[in-house]
């Protein structure tokens, strides 16, 4: 029988009331399953008594904190739509999101209040802001605290629980509606893939206002009953110490963070008997970084793949000693994955097509966008990811890029990831991304942006020769642009479609 999130937390409370769920490495405060159930139900009770209609969107503008996690669960418990706001998207995008979801109430960390006020400056309606202390929780206005309802109608499994807006690399972001059943299914897929149980403790260094941080670590630990270290943000100087001090057995990161850890010269003290794996998602992990990280630290990286529309993970490599294939985000676990051709039929092994997914983790739809939902989810329940890839004979999927990001040079499709990986093999390069530029002769030509590792450098001619030797002249970038940093979304994924504008402007 499918559950709502609050029911699973109540189940964890009954099984292990005093075991810690959330752990703050900055303050040392821990919240047990018993405390989590009480805190989130109190939040739900106060909101339910406020007169806000059930099903309404309630926004949360906060970096990671124990309070942000509890508020998110509390909002969903009473049948409201918790809407995490992307704090790095800027006031314009945030204003669009708040208007689109029609939020009237925002829980706001102190440092985010000015940004939310700027985002709502032109609204023709009121937007109530409740300050959210990172450890102590909401600072309730007197009228709301006094109106708390002892009895309220709890959400059920089919109730929409989270409204998560996509990154919006082109146009406005879309609001992805995920039910309680979607979210718990997504968390179960993570627990199943990584063999998580109540003895495990994860570490979340990704923002929980992004689907990876929310579903992989928050929902993953709810489903496994394990603990979760939740620092305010990623800190290179504190990362390994937090892992050891709080006995993490796994952590989830993105390729950029693995690159930062790899290029940090300090030698960390790692309890390899306790820390059994790390996982990578949100963007393809370059094979060279993958191999170097494992060789240096002795910690396996489990490469995975997920989407906002599927509550994160759809593919995962198995844990050692089972086969992991570097360069592949793995096999389908907990849902079905198909490579579809242009006729919407399954492709043969090793033939490129669009990656489709079907399962209980697939979203209910896009908020206020039924036509977009219908284009994305087929009548048979398959979600079209927009990603290109192929599946080998063993069921491992290899992703070659986004359909929208393909470079079509002289009629030939060139996957930009192939060029990224070659550039990242060069010893001086920290980040790289190839992109298309309009070309009179070929329709499009290949260019790339890179940034160097600290204190490293190479000439454009040297980098071009490196590419020609591995890719041939046709796929080698015509220009390689050297930047201090590449544009990224909240998950750390490089926003490839922004590179042309960044280099050449809007004209």
Protein backbone atom coordinates (compact mmCIF):
# COMPACT_ATOMS: atom_id res chain seq x y z
CA UNK A 1 0.00 0.00 0.00
CA UNK A 2 1.39 3.39 -0.99
CA UNK A 3 2.11 5.87 1.78
CA UNK A 4 2.32 9.60 2.34
CA UNK A 5 5.62 11.03 3.57
CA UNK A 6 4.34 11.66 7.11
CA UNK A 7 3.25 8.02 7.37
CA UNK A 8 6.75 6.78 6.55
CA UNK A 9 8.24 9.15 9.14
CA UNK A 10 5.73 7.86 11.71
CA UNK A 11 6.81 4.33 10.80
CA UNK A 12 10.46 5.25 11.39
CA UNK A 13 9.49 6.86 14.71
CA UNK A 14 7.79 3.67 15.84
CA UNK A 15 10.74 1.49 14.80
CA UNK A 16 13.60 3.66 16.12
CA UNK A 17 12.30 6.76 17.92
CA UNK A 18 15.63 7.89 19.36
CA UNK A 19 17.82 7.31 16.30
CA UNK A 20 19.09 10.52 14.72
CA UNK A 21 17.80 11.42 11.30
CA UNK A 22 19.07 14.97 10.63
CA UNK A 23 22.52 16.07 11.80
CA UNK A 24 23.92 19.62 11.64
CA UNK A 25 27.74 19.51 11.44
CA UNK A 26 27.99 23.26 12.14
CA UNK A 27 26.17 23.11 15.49
CA UNK A 28 26.16 19.41 16.35
CA UNK A 29 22.39 19.45 16.77
CA UNK A 30 20.59 16.23 15.86
CA UNK A 31 16.90 15.56 15.24
CA UNK A 32 15.65 12.05 15.95
CA UNK A 33 12.82 10.35 14.10
CA UNK A 34 10.56 11.01 17.10
CA UNK A 35 11.44 14.70 17.12
CA UNK A 36 11.08 14.93 13.33
CA UNK A 37 7.55 13.52 13.50
CA UNK A 38 6.58 15.97 16.25
CA UNK A 39 8.20 19.03 14.62
CA UNK A 40 6.73 18.40 11.17
CA UNK A 41 3.24 17.70 12.51
CA UNK A 42 3.36 20.91 14.57
CA UNK A 43 4.28 22.88 11.43
CA UNK A 44 1.47 21.17 9.52
CA UNK A 45 -1.01 21.98 12.30
CA UNK A 46 -0.15 25.68 12.35
CA UNK A 47 -0.36 26.05 8.56
CA UNK A 48 -3.64 24.11 8.47
CA UNK A 49 -5.11 26.57 10.98
CA UNK A 50 -4.04 29.63 9.01
CA UNK A 51 -6.88 29.58 6.50
CA UNK A 52 -4.65 28.89 3.49
CA UNK A 53 -6.63 26.61 1.13
CA UNK A 54 -5.46 22.99 1.02
CA UNK A 55 -3.39 22.24 -2.02
CA UNK A 56 -2.01 25.78 -2.21
CA UNK A 57 1.66 26.34 -2.93
CA UNK A 58 3.81 27.37 0.04
CA UNK A 59 7.32 28.47 -0.90
CA UNK A 60 10.59 27.89 0.96
CA UNK A 61 13.60 30.16 0.36
CA UNK A 62 16.48 28.74 2.33
CA UNK A 63 19.86 27.10 1.99
CA UNK A 64 20.20 23.66 3.54
CA UNK A 65 19.33 23.48 7.22
CA UNK A 66 17.54 21.21 9.66
CA UNK A 67 14.66 23.70 9.70
CA UNK A 68 14.36 23.84 5.90
CA UNK A 69 14.06 20.05 5.72
CA UNK A 70 11.46 19.94 8.51
CA UNK A 71 9.39 22.79 7.04
CA UNK A 72 9.35 21.07 3.66
CA UNK A 73 7.98 17.89 5.25
CA UNK A 74 5.56 19.83 7.46
CA UNK A 75 4.06 21.69 4.52
CA UNK A 76 3.45 18.42 2.66
CA UNK A 77 1.98 16.70 5.73
CA UNK A 78 -1.03 19.03 5.82
CA UNK A 79 -1.72 18.61 2.10
CA UNK A 80 0.05 21.72 0.81
CA UNK A 81 2.45 21.96 -2.10
CA UNK A 82 5.96 22.67 -0.80
CA UNK A 83 7.75 24.82 -3.38
CA UNK A 84 11.52 25.14 -2.84
CA UNK A 85 12.95 28.28 -4.44
CA UNK A 86 16.22 28.18 -6.36
CA UNK A 87 18.38 30.72 -4.53
CA UNK A 88 20.89 31.13 -7.36
CA UNK A 89 18.35 31.70 -10.14
CA UNK A 90 18.06 35.44 -9.47
CA UNK A 91 15.16 37.70 -8.50
CA UNK A 92 13.53 37.70 -11.96
CA UNK A 93 13.20 33.91 -12.16
CA UNK A 94 12.18 33.72 -8.52
CA UNK A 95 9.46 36.31 -9.16
CA UNK A 96 8.19 34.25 -12.10
CA UNK A 97 8.05 31.11 -9.93
CA UNK A 98 6.23 32.83 -7.07
CA UNK A 99 3.68 34.27 -9.51
CA UNK A 100 3.27 31.06 -11.49
CA UNK A 101 2.61 28.91 -8.42
CA UNK A 102 0.47 31.66 -6.82
CA UNK A 103 2.22 31.36 -3.47
CA UNK A 104 0.95 33.66 -0.73
CA UNK A 105 3.32 32.45 1.97
CA UNK A 106 7.13 32.02 1.96
CA UNK A 107 9.30 30.52 4.69
CA UNK A 108 12.49 32.49 4.34
CA UNK A 109 15.98 32.15 5.81
CA UNK A 110 17.23 35.54 7.13
CA UNK A 111 19.83 35.91 4.37
CA UNK A 112 17.20 35.24 1.67
CA UNK A 113 14.58 37.79 2.77
CA UNK A 114 15.99 40.66 0.66
CA UNK A 115 16.06 38.46 -2.45
CA UNK A 116 12.44 37.36 -1.97
CA UNK A 117 11.34 40.94 -1.36
CA UNK A 118 13.09 42.02 -4.58
CA UNK A 119 11.44 39.15 -6.47
CA UNK A 120 7.98 40.16 -5.22
CA UNK A 121 8.45 43.92 -5.62
CA UNK A 122 6.08 44.24 -8.57
CA UNK A 123 3.34 41.92 -7.31
CA UNK A 124 -0.24 43.18 -7.19
CA UNK A 125 -0.97 40.85 -4.25
CA UNK A 126 0.49 40.41 -0.81
CA UNK A 127 3.18 37.85 -0.11
CA UNK A 128 3.61 36.90 3.52
CA UNK A 129 7.16 36.13 4.65
CA UNK A 130 7.85 34.00 7.73
CA UNK A 131 11.43 34.04 8.92
CA UNK A 132 13.00 30.59 9.14
CA UNK A 133 15.78 30.15 11.71
CA UNK A 134 18.16 27.43 10.42
CA UNK A 135 18.09 25.43 13.68
CA UNK A 136 15.04 26.60 15.64
CA UNK A 137 12.57 26.66 12.77
CA UNK A 138 9.85 29.17 11.83
CA UNK A 139 9.43 32.36 13.85
CA UNK A 140 5.65 32.22 13.84
CA UNK A 141 3.55 35.39 13.80
CA UNK A 142 1.22 35.53 16.79
CA UNK A 143 -1.95 35.20 14.70
CA UNK A 144 -0.73 31.97 13.06
CA UNK A 145 0.63 30.38 16.22
CA UNK A 146 -2.65 31.00 18.02
CA UNK A 147 -4.63 29.44 15.19
CA UNK A 148 -2.92 26.03 15.27
CA UNK A 149 -5.32 23.14 14.62
CA UNK A 150 -4.97 20.02 16.73
CA UNK A 151 -6.89 17.99 14.15
CA UNK A 152 -6.39 18.49 10.43
CA UNK A 153 -6.74 16.42 7.29
CA UNK A 154 -3.49 14.65 6.51
CA UNK A 155 -2.19 14.22 2.97
CA UNK A 156 -2.45 10.80 1.35
CA UNK A 157 -0.18 9.05 -1.13
CA UNK A 158 -1.77 10.68 -4.19
CA UNK A 159 -1.67 14.22 -2.78
CA UNK A 160 0.75 16.56 -4.61
CA UNK A 161 3.62 17.14 -2.20
CA UNK A 162 6.48 18.99 -3.90
CA UNK A 163 6.46 21.57 -6.68
CA UNK A 164 10.01 21.68 -8.01
CA UNK A 165 10.86 24.06 -10.84
CA UNK A 166 13.29 22.91 -13.51
CA UNK A 167 16.47 24.89 -14.11
CA UNK A 168 15.03 26.71 -17.12
CA UNK A 169 18.13 26.88 -19.33
CA UNK A 170 15.84 28.08 -22.11
CA UNK A 171 12.66 30.06 -21.45
CA UNK A 172 10.85 30.04 -18.12
CA UNK A 173 11.29 27.09 -15.77
CA UNK A 174 8.50 24.50 -15.61
CA UNK A 175 6.85 23.51 -12.33
CA UNK A 176 7.13 19.75 -11.79
CA UNK A 177 4.38 18.35 -9.53
CA UNK A 178 5.44 15.28 -7.55
CA UNK A 179 2.99 13.41 -5.32
CA UNK A 180 3.86 11.79 -1.99
CA UNK A 181 3.88 8.43 -3.78
CA UNK A 182 6.23 9.80 -6.47
CA UNK A 183 8.64 11.14 -3.86
CA UNK A 184 8.74 8.01 -1.72
CA UNK A 185 9.12 5.84 -4.81
CA UNK A 186 12.07 8.01 -5.83
CA UNK A 187 13.62 7.64 -2.38
CA UNK A 188 13.05 3.88 -2.46
CA UNK A 189 14.83 3.63 -5.81
CA UNK A 190 17.91 5.22 -4.20
CA UNK A 191 17.75 2.96 -1.14
CA UNK A 192 17.33 -0.12 -3.35
CA UNK A 193 20.15 0.77 -5.75
CA UNK A 194 22.65 1.51 -2.98
CA UNK A 195 21.49 -1.10 -0.43
CA UNK A 196 20.79 1.58 2.19
CA UNK A 197 19.34 0.69 5.58
CA UNK A 198 18.99 2.24 9.04
CA UNK A 199 22.70 1.72 9.78
CA UNK A 200 23.72 4.08 6.98
CA UNK A 201 24.39 7.81 7.34
CA UNK A 202 24.47 9.97 4.22
CA UNK A 203 25.96 13.42 3.71
CA UNK A 204 24.07 16.02 1.66
CA UNK A 205 26.25 18.79 0.22
CA UNK A 206 23.82 19.58 -2.60
CA UNK A 207 20.94 22.06 -2.10
CA UNK A 208 17.67 20.43 -1.09
CA UNK A 209 15.90 23.03 -3.24
CA UNK A 210 17.19 20.89 -6.12
CA UNK A 211 15.78 17.44 -6.88
CA UNK A 212 19.06 15.58 -6.29
CA UNK A 213 19.51 16.90 -2.77
CA UNK A 214 15.83 16.50 -1.93
CA UNK A 215 14.99 13.07 -3.31
CA UNK A 216 18.33 11.27 -3.15
CA UNK A 217 19.33 12.27 0.36
CA UNK A 218 16.19 13.47 2.19
CA UNK A 219 13.73 10.98 0.66
CA UNK A 220 16.42 8.30 0.39
CA UNK A 221 17.07 8.43 4.14
CA UNK A 222 13.36 8.59 4.96
CA UNK A 223 12.89 5.35 3.03
CA UNK A 224 15.99 3.64 4.48
CA UNK A 225 15.53 4.94 8.03
CA UNK A 226 19.16 6.08 8.08
CA UNK A 227 20.76 9.34 9.17
CA UNK A 228 21.57 12.44 7.13
CA UNK A 229 24.36 14.97 7.71
CA UNK A 230 23.01 18.29 6.40
CA UNK A 231 25.61 21.09 6.28
CA UNK A 232 24.49 24.57 5.27
CA UNK A 233 26.59 24.34 2.11
CA UNK A 234 29.54 22.51 0.59
CA UNK A 235 32.84 23.43 2.24
CA UNK A 236 36.04 22.06 0.73
CA UNK A 237 37.94 22.73 3.96
CA UNK A 238 35.40 20.91 6.19
CA UNK A 239 34.09 18.19 3.92
CA UNK A 240 36.27 15.20 4.83
CA UNK A 241 36.30 16.07 8.53
CA UNK A 242 32.48 16.24 8.62
CA UNK A 243 32.33 12.86 6.87
CA UNK A 244 34.57 11.25 9.50
CA UNK A 245 33.24 13.04 12.60
CA UNK A 246 29.63 12.12 11.90
CA UNK A 247 30.40 8.64 10.55
CA UNK A 248 29.00 9.04 7.04
CA UNK A 249 28.80 5.80 5.07
CA UNK A 250 27.97 7.50 1.75
CA UNK A 251 27.63 10.90 0.12
CA UNK A 252 26.07 12.32 -3.02
CA UNK A 253 27.83 14.93 -5.15
CA UNK A 254 28.08 16.29 -8.69
CA UNK A 255 31.03 16.16 -11.10
CA UNK A 256 32.17 19.70 -10.28
CA UNK A 257 32.50 18.83 -6.58
CA UNK A 258 34.43 15.66 -7.36
CA UNK A 259 36.83 17.79 -9.42
CA UNK A 260 37.26 20.23 -6.50
CA UNK A 261 37.95 17.39 -4.06
CA UNK A 262 40.39 15.78 -6.48
CA UNK A 263 42.34 19.00 -6.96
CA UNK A 264 42.56 19.82 -3.26
CA UNK A 265 46.17 19.13 -2.27
CA UNK A 266 45.43 18.36 1.40
CA UNK A 267 45.55 14.67 2.33
CA UNK A 268 42.24 13.77 4.02
CA UNK A 269 41.77 11.36 6.92
CA UNK A 270 39.17 8.89 5.62
CA UNK A 271 37.65 5.98 7.52
CA UNK A 272 37.42 3.61 4.55
CA UNK A 273 35.83 0.91 6.68
CA UNK A 274 32.86 3.24 7.25
CA UNK A 275 32.64 5.34 4.06
CA UNK A 276 31.63 2.67 1.59
CA UNK A 277 30.73 4.67 -1.54
CA UNK A 278 30.02 8.04 -3.10
CA UNK A 279 27.51 8.72 -5.85
CA UNK A 280 27.54 11.14 -8.78
CA UNK A 281 24.55 12.58 -10.60
CA UNK A 282 22.99 15.70 -12.18
CA UNK A 283 25.58 15.81 -14.98
CA UNK A 284 27.81 13.28 -16.76
CA UNK A 285 30.98 12.43 -14.84
CA UNK A 286 34.10 12.56 -17.00
CA UNK A 287 35.78 9.12 -17.02
CA UNK A 288 39.17 10.69 -16.31
CA UNK A 289 37.91 12.39 -13.12
CA UNK A 290 36.15 9.15 -12.14
CA UNK A 291 39.34 7.08 -12.42
CA UNK A 292 41.59 9.64 -10.76
CA UNK A 293 39.24 10.12 -7.78
CA UNK A 294 38.98 6.40 -7.09
CA UNK A 295 42.74 5.92 -7.51
CA UNK A 296 43.56 8.73 -5.08
CA UNK A 297 40.93 8.23 -2.36
CA UNK A 298 40.04 4.55 -2.70
CA UNK A 299 36.32 5.36 -2.51
CA UNK A 300 34.12 3.98 -5.32
CA UNK A 301 31.97 6.46 -7.23
CA UNK A 302 28.57 5.11 -8.24
CA UNK A 303 27.55 7.05 -11.33
CA UNK A 304 23.79 7.62 -11.65
CA UNK A 305 21.31 9.65 -13.68
CA UNK A 306 18.06 11.37 -12.78
CA UNK A 307 15.63 14.14 -13.68
CA UNK A 308 13.41 16.54 -11.79
CA UNK A 309 10.43 14.96 -13.55
CA UNK A 310 11.28 11.53 -12.10
CA UNK A 311 12.13 12.56 -8.55
CA UNK A 312 15.83 12.22 -9.43
CA UNK A 313 17.32 8.77 -9.97
CA UNK A 314 16.30 6.60 -12.94
CA UNK A 315 19.61 4.81 -13.54
CA UNK A 316 22.38 3.62 -11.26
CA UNK A 317 25.47 1.50 -11.48
CA UNK A 318 25.47 -1.41 -9.03
CA UNK A 319 27.69 -1.36 -5.95
CA UNK A 320 31.00 -3.19 -6.02
CA UNK A 321 31.78 -6.04 -6.52
CA UNK A 322 29.09 -6.01 -9.22
CA UNK A 323 30.00 -4.50 -12.58
CA UNK A 324 30.28 -0.73 -12.82
CA UNK A 325 30.86 0.69 -16.28
CA UNK A 326 32.74 3.97 -16.26
CA UNK A 327 31.06 6.45 -18.59
CA UNK A 328 27.62 4.94 -18.01
CA UNK A 329 25.10 6.08 -15.35
CA UNK A 330 24.09 2.45 -15.07
CA UNK A 331 20.98 0.32 -15.34
CA UNK A 332 17.32 0.91 -14.53
CA UNK A 333 16.56 0.18 -10.86
CA UNK A 334 13.01 0.60 -9.58
CA UNK A 335 11.64 1.83 -12.91
CA UNK A 336 11.69 0.91 -16.60
CA UNK A 337 13.99 2.59 -19.11
CA UNK A 338 13.73 2.31 -22.89
CA UNK A 339 15.75 3.77 -25.75
CA UNK A 340 13.14 4.91 -28.29
CA UNK A 341 13.63 5.57 -31.99
CA UNK A 342 11.92 8.28 -34.05
CA UNK A 343 8.87 5.99 -34.41
CA UNK A 344 8.64 5.57 -30.62
CA UNK A 345 9.72 1.93 -30.83
CA UNK A 346 12.52 0.31 -28.76
CA UNK A 347 15.97 0.56 -30.32
CA UNK A 348 18.24 -2.42 -30.69
CA UNK A 349 21.28 -2.62 -28.39
CA UNK A 350 23.94 0.06 -29.02
CA UNK A 351 21.65 2.13 -31.29
CA UNK A 352 21.20 5.76 -30.27
CA UNK A 353 17.73 7.08 -29.49
CA UNK A 354 15.84 9.09 -26.88
CA UNK A 355 15.88 7.82 -23.29
CA UNK A 356 12.36 7.14 -21.96
CA UNK A 357 11.40 6.16 -18.40
CA UNK A 358 8.26 4.75 -16.78
CA UNK A 359 7.52 4.06 -13.10
CA UNK A 360 5.87 5.20 -9.87
CA UNK A 361 8.46 7.97 -9.55
CA UNK A 362 7.32 9.76 -12.73
CA UNK A 363 5.72 13.15 -12.01
CA UNK A 364 2.00 13.90 -12.08
CA UNK A 365 2.67 16.68 -14.60
CA UNK A 366 3.73 20.29 -15.11
CA UNK A 367 1.76 22.87 -13.11
CA UNK A 368 -0.71 24.83 -15.29
CA UNK A 369 0.80 23.32 -18.46
CA UNK A 370 -1.36 20.40 -19.65
CA UNK A 371 -0.12 20.62 -23.24
CA UNK A 372 3.52 20.46 -22.14
CA UNK A 373 2.66 17.53 -19.88
CA UNK A 374 0.98 15.70 -22.77
CA UNK A 375 4.08 16.23 -24.96
CA UNK A 376 6.33 14.85 -22.25
CA UNK A 377 4.36 11.84 -20.92
CA UNK A 378 2.96 9.38 -23.47
CA UNK A 379 -0.50 7.78 -23.06
CA UNK A 380 1.32 4.60 -21.99
CA UNK A 381 3.03 6.44 -19.12
CA UNK A 382 6.51 6.82 -20.65
CA UNK A 383 8.28 10.09 -19.82
CA UNK A 384 10.37 11.43 -22.68
CA UNK A 385 13.59 12.71 -21.10
CA UNK A 386 14.97 14.70 -24.04
CA UNK A 387 18.31 12.91 -23.51
CA UNK A 388 20.04 10.90 -26.22
CA UNK A 389 21.80 7.65 -25.52
CA UNK A 390 22.09 3.96 -26.18
CA UNK A 391 21.78 0.78 -24.12
CA UNK A 392 24.30 -2.03 -24.38
CA UNK A 393 23.59 -5.76 -24.29
CA UNK A 394 23.82 -5.78 -20.47
CA UNK A 395 21.23 -3.02 -19.99
CA UNK A 396 23.73 -0.25 -19.19
CA UNK A 397 22.77 3.13 -20.66
CA UNK A 398 25.33 5.51 -22.17
CA UNK A 399 24.21 9.12 -22.47
CA UNK A 400 25.51 11.13 -25.40
CA UNK A 401 23.80 14.45 -24.71
CA UNK A 402 20.60 16.45 -24.80
CA UNK A 403 18.63 16.52 -28.03
CA UNK A 404 18.64 20.34 -27.83
CA UNK A 405 22.42 20.43 -27.32
CA UNK A 406 23.47 18.32 -30.31
CA UNK A 407 25.96 20.03 -32.61
CA UNK A 408 24.98 19.43 -36.23
CA UNK A 409 28.01 20.19 -38.39
CA UNK A 410 27.61 19.63 -42.12
CA UNK A 411 24.71 17.27 -41.44
CA UNK A 412 26.68 15.13 -38.96
CA UNK A 413 25.46 14.87 -35.37
CA UNK A 414 28.25 15.56 -32.88
CA UNK A 415 27.62 14.85 -29.19
CA UNK A 416 29.25 17.64 -27.16
CA UNK A 417 29.99 15.28 -24.28
CA UNK A 418 32.50 13.41 -26.47
CA UNK A 419 34.46 16.65 -26.87
CA UNK A 420 34.11 17.53 -23.16
CA UNK A 421 35.65 14.22 -22.13
CA UNK A 422 38.64 14.62 -24.44
CA UNK A 423 39.33 18.13 -23.15
CA UNK A 424 39.07 16.91 -19.54
CA UNK A 425 41.75 14.32 -20.24
CA UNK A 426 44.24 17.20 -20.54
CA UNK A 427 46.13 17.59 -17.29
CA UNK A 428 45.57 21.36 -17.05
CA UNK A 429 41.77 21.47 -17.50
CA UNK A 430 39.33 21.53 -14.57
CA UNK A 431 36.04 22.06 -16.48
CA UNK A 432 35.09 21.93 -20.15
CA UNK A 433 31.97 22.21 -22.28
CA UNK A 434 31.60 22.17 -26.06
CA UNK A 435 28.78 24.05 -27.78
CA UNK A 436 27.40 24.91 -31.21
CA UNK A 437 28.02 28.20 -33.02
CA UNK A 438 26.17 29.14 -36.25
CA UNK A 439 28.36 28.72 -39.30
CA UNK A 440 27.75 29.79 -42.93
CA UNK A 441 29.63 26.82 -44.40
CA UNK A 442 28.56 23.95 -42.14
CA UNK A 443 25.37 25.21 -40.50
CA UNK A 444 27.06 24.87 -37.09
CA UNK A 445 30.66 24.63 -35.94
CA UNK A 446 32.19 23.30 -32.73
CA UNK A 447 33.61 25.59 -30.07
CA UNK A 448 34.32 25.00 -26.38
CA UNK A 449 34.75 26.83 -23.10
CA UNK A 450 37.23 25.67 -20.48
CA UNK A 451 38.64 26.74 -17.16
CA UNK A 452 42.06 25.67 -15.92
CA UNK A 453 43.02 23.98 -12.69
CA UNK A 454 44.64 26.37 -10.17
CA UNK A 455 48.13 27.42 -11.25
CA UNK A 456 47.90 25.40 -14.48
CA UNK A 457 47.83 26.65 -18.07
CA UNK A 458 48.18 25.46 -21.66
CA UNK A 459 48.17 27.31 -24.96
CA UNK A 460 45.17 27.12 -27.34
CA UNK A 461 47.42 25.44 -29.92
CA UNK A 462 48.42 22.74 -27.44
CA UNK A 463 44.78 22.08 -26.52
CA UNK A 464 43.74 22.00 -30.17
CA UNK A 465 46.46 19.48 -30.98
CA UNK A 466 45.36 17.37 -28.00
CA UNK A 467 41.82 17.27 -29.44
CA UNK A 468 42.93 16.54 -33.02
CA UNK A 469 44.92 13.52 -31.90
CA UNK A 470 41.88 12.03 -30.17
CA UNK A 471 38.89 13.36 -32.11
CA UNK A 472 40.19 14.17 -35.56
CA UNK A 473 40.10 17.62 -37.15
CA UNK A 474 36.37 17.58 -37.96
CA UNK A 475 35.22 17.38 -34.31
CA UNK A 476 38.03 19.48 -32.85
CA UNK A 477 36.75 22.87 -31.58
CA UNK A 478 37.48 25.75 -33.94
CA UNK A 479 37.97 27.98 -30.90
CA UNK A 480 38.62 27.21 -27.25
CA UNK A 481 37.55 30.03 -24.93
CA UNK A 482 39.32 30.29 -21.57
CA UNK A 483 37.04 31.39 -18.72
CA UNK A 484 37.46 31.77 -14.97
CA UNK A 485 34.32 29.67 -14.38
CA UNK A 486 31.58 28.01 -16.42
CA UNK A 487 27.90 28.85 -15.83
CA UNK A 488 26.13 26.25 -13.69
CA UNK A 489 22.67 25.51 -12.41
CA UNK A 490 21.85 24.78 -8.75
CA UNK A 491 22.85 21.13 -9.13
CA UNK A 492 26.32 22.03 -10.41
CA UNK A 493 25.48 21.05 -13.97
CA UNK A 494 27.18 23.21 -16.58
CA UNK A 495 24.54 25.17 -18.51
CA UNK A 496 25.79 24.50 -22.01
CA UNK A 497 23.06 26.46 -23.75
CA UNK A 498 24.23 29.65 -22.03
CA UNK A 499 27.78 29.45 -23.36
CA UNK A 500 27.12 31.05 -26.75
CA UNK A 501 25.51 34.09 -25.17
CA UNK A 502 28.26 34.28 -22.56
CA UNK A 503 30.99 34.32 -25.23
CA UNK A 504 29.28 36.26 -28.02
CA UNK A 505 26.55 38.24 -26.29
CA UNK A 506 22.91 38.33 -27.35
CA UNK A 507 23.41 39.67 -30.88
